[in-house]
Protein backbone atom coordinates (compact mmCIF):
# COMPACT_ATOMS: atom_id res chain seq x y z
CA UNK A 1 -33.27 -49.28 -9.66
CA UNK A 2 -33.39 -46.29 -7.06
CA UNK A 3 -30.90 -43.81 -7.38
CA UNK A 4 -29.24 -42.85 -3.64
CA UNK A 5 -30.51 -39.49 -3.18
CA UNK A 6 -33.77 -37.78 -4.27
CA UNK A 7 -33.09 -34.10 -6.41
CA UNK A 8 -35.52 -31.44 -5.58
CA UNK A 9 -35.21 -27.38 -6.62
CA UNK A 10 -30.91 -27.84 -5.35
CA UNK A 11 -28.40 -28.38 -7.67
CA UNK A 12 -26.68 -31.76 -5.80
CA UNK A 13 -23.01 -32.95 -7.21
CA UNK A 14 -21.85 -36.36 -6.23
CA UNK A 15 -18.38 -35.66 -5.04
CA UNK A 16 -16.59 -39.12 -3.87
CA UNK A 17 -20.24 -39.66 -1.77
CA UNK A 18 -20.36 -36.33 -0.33
CA UNK A 19 -23.14 -34.08 -1.19
CA UNK A 20 -22.92 -30.66 -1.21
CA UNK A 21 -25.57 -27.99 -2.67
CA UNK A 22 -24.25 -25.48 -5.40
CA UNK A 23 -25.33 -21.88 -4.30
CA UNK A 24 -26.63 -19.05 -6.09
CA UNK A 25 -24.27 -15.97 -6.62
CA UNK A 26 -25.86 -13.25 -4.00
CA UNK A 27 -23.78 -14.49 -1.66
CA UNK A 28 -20.37 -12.92 -3.80
CA UNK A 29 -21.55 -9.46 -3.82
CA UNK A 30 -21.87 -9.33 0.16
CA UNK A 31 -18.53 -10.39 0.64
CA UNK A 32 -17.29 -7.47 -2.42
CA UNK A 33 -18.97 -5.21 -0.41
CA UNK A 34 -17.55 -6.18 3.46
CA UNK A 35 -14.19 -5.85 1.53
CA UNK A 36 -14.34 -1.98 0.28
CA UNK A 37 -16.31 -1.06 3.36
CA UNK A 38 -13.19 -2.45 5.81
CA UNK A 39 -10.35 0.53 5.40
CA UNK A 40 -13.15 2.96 6.13
CA UNK A 41 -13.62 2.72 9.37
CA UNK A 42 -11.24 4.04 10.97
CA UNK A 43 -10.79 7.99 10.14
CA UNK A 44 -7.02 9.81 11.24
CA UNK A 45 -5.79 12.48 9.46
CA UNK A 46 -2.12 12.70 9.95
CA UNK A 47 -0.18 9.19 10.26
CA UNK A 48 3.64 7.53 10.56
CA UNK A 49 4.90 4.57 7.88
CA UNK A 50 7.65 2.58 8.97
CA UNK A 51 10.07 2.25 5.74
CA UNK A 52 12.14 -1.38 6.00
CA UNK A 53 14.83 -1.79 3.10
CA UNK A 54 17.15 -4.48 2.65
CA UNK A 55 18.85 -6.11 -0.43
CA UNK A 56 15.99 -8.84 -0.68
CA UNK A 57 12.25 -7.50 0.47
CA UNK A 58 10.68 -3.45 0.39
CA UNK A 59 8.35 -3.80 3.41
CA UNK A 60 6.26 -0.52 4.62
CA UNK A 61 4.11 -0.34 7.95
CA UNK A 62 1.21 2.66 7.93
CA UNK A 63 0.75 3.66 12.53
CA UNK A 64 -1.12 5.79 13.96
CA UNK A 65 0.96 8.40 16.69
CA UNK A 66 0.82 5.70 19.25
CA UNK A 67 2.01 3.40 17.19
CA UNK A 68 -1.17 0.91 15.91
CA UNK A 69 -0.57 -0.72 12.59
CA UNK A 70 -3.34 -0.07 10.56
CA UNK A 71 -1.82 -1.18 7.12
CA UNK A 72 0.98 -3.30 5.73
CA UNK A 73 2.14 -4.22 2.59
CA UNK A 74 5.03 -5.76 1.24
CA UNK A 75 7.03 -6.80 -2.17
CA UNK A 76 6.78 -10.06 -1.51
CA UNK A 77 3.29 -9.75 -1.21
CA UNK A 78 2.09 -8.46 -4.05
CA UNK A 79 3.38 -10.91 -6.07
CA UNK A 80 6.88 -10.03 -6.68
CA UNK A 81 9.59 -13.37 -6.12
CA UNK A 82 13.44 -13.96 -6.48
CA UNK A 83 15.41 -11.32 -6.83
CA UNK A 84 12.89 -9.18 -7.78
CA UNK A 85 11.49 -8.27 -4.83
CA UNK A 86 14.21 -6.13 -4.01
CA UNK A 87 13.55 -4.12 -6.82
CA UNK A 88 13.25 0.00 -6.51
CA UNK A 89 10.15 -1.07 -9.07
CA UNK A 90 9.01 -3.39 -6.10
CA UNK A 91 9.65 -1.00 -3.70
CA UNK A 92 7.60 1.93 -5.97
CA UNK A 93 4.21 -0.59 -5.89
CA UNK A 94 4.41 -1.55 -2.30
CA UNK A 95 4.96 2.62 -1.40
CA UNK A 96 1.52 3.26 -4.09
CA UNK A 97 -0.91 -0.04 -2.41
CA UNK A 98 -0.17 1.54 0.94
CA UNK A 99 -0.90 5.02 -0.31
CA UNK A 100 -4.34 3.67 -1.46
CA UNK A 101 -4.78 2.45 1.84
CA UNK A 102 -4.62 5.54 3.35
CA UNK A 103 -6.36 7.73 1.09
CA UNK A 104 -9.43 5.43 2.01
CA UNK A 105 -8.72 6.24 5.62
CA UNK A 106 -8.60 9.97 5.26
CA UNK A 107 -4.57 10.26 5.82
CA UNK A 108 -3.83 14.00 4.80
CA UNK A 109 -0.05 14.41 7.28
CA UNK A 110 2.69 11.81 6.55
CA UNK A 111 5.97 11.22 8.31
CA UNK A 112 8.42 8.73 7.10
CA UNK A 113 10.68 6.51 9.45
CA UNK A 114 12.95 4.67 7.16
CA UNK A 115 15.55 1.42 7.75
CA UNK A 116 17.69 -0.43 5.86
CA UNK A 117 20.43 0.02 2.96
CA UNK A 118 18.40 -1.68 0.47
CA UNK A 119 17.46 -0.37 -3.53
CA UNK A 120 13.75 0.99 -2.65
CA UNK A 121 14.00 3.58 -0.24
CA UNK A 122 13.96 6.08 -1.54
CA UNK A 123 11.45 4.60 -4.49
CA UNK A 124 8.65 4.04 -1.79
CA UNK A 125 8.38 7.25 -0.81
CA UNK A 126 8.05 9.15 -4.01
CA UNK A 127 5.45 6.47 -4.96
CA UNK A 128 4.00 7.41 -1.76
CA UNK A 129 4.21 11.46 -2.23
CA UNK A 130 3.07 10.96 -5.34
CA UNK A 131 -0.70 10.49 -4.41
CA UNK A 132 -0.70 14.05 -2.44
CA UNK A 133 0.37 13.54 0.61
CA UNK A 134 2.17 16.17 3.04
CA UNK A 135 5.01 15.16 4.20
CA UNK A 136 6.08 16.95 7.82
CA UNK A 137 9.03 14.70 7.91
CA UNK A 138 11.52 11.71 6.76
CA UNK A 139 14.22 9.67 9.40
CA UNK A 140 16.77 7.32 8.76
CA UNK A 141 16.70 5.34 11.66
CA UNK A 142 18.43 2.61 9.93
CA UNK A 143 20.86 0.48 12.79
CA UNK A 144 23.78 0.45 13.02
CA UNK A 145 26.00 -1.85 15.24
CA UNK A 146 29.18 0.05 17.42
CA UNK A 147 31.15 -3.05 17.86
CA UNK A 148 30.17 -4.92 15.26
CA UNK A 149 30.82 -8.95 15.30
CA UNK A 150 33.24 -10.71 16.96
CA UNK A 151 36.99 -11.08 15.47
CA UNK A 152 38.52 -13.84 14.83
CA UNK A 153 40.54 -15.83 16.91
CA UNK A 154 44.06 -14.85 16.20
CA UNK A 155 46.06 -17.82 13.96
CA UNK A 156 48.44 -20.34 15.28
CA UNK A 157 51.58 -21.21 13.26
């Protein structure tokens, strides 16, 4: 009885009738180099960091002065789930990851715009500042409703 395919110098794996060629590890090293060099393309000295802190999550976005997004992260993106996303510890981790990306860009001066009333407001800024950035301003831009929601209708008795 003959084999379905002839084995030469490549290793074939038979999986549900499909033939796959096993690749060497040289392709994986090229992917790691691309991931490291990805952040250092763009250089800027001053940036704006938007912090949105809700009861359930904390998000940070690093932008240039025009508002173009450079890097962003959130507690959910770092692997926190459920009620742990809204904790100050998760917000501190978000601040550290965005700060590492900012140092790769060469950012020195940072101004913050904070929105929301969550518990991660201060801890995210503190962890970002601990990486050695010069904070020029911190602005609170939490939206406040003028009239609020529509009041309930009068009760009929």
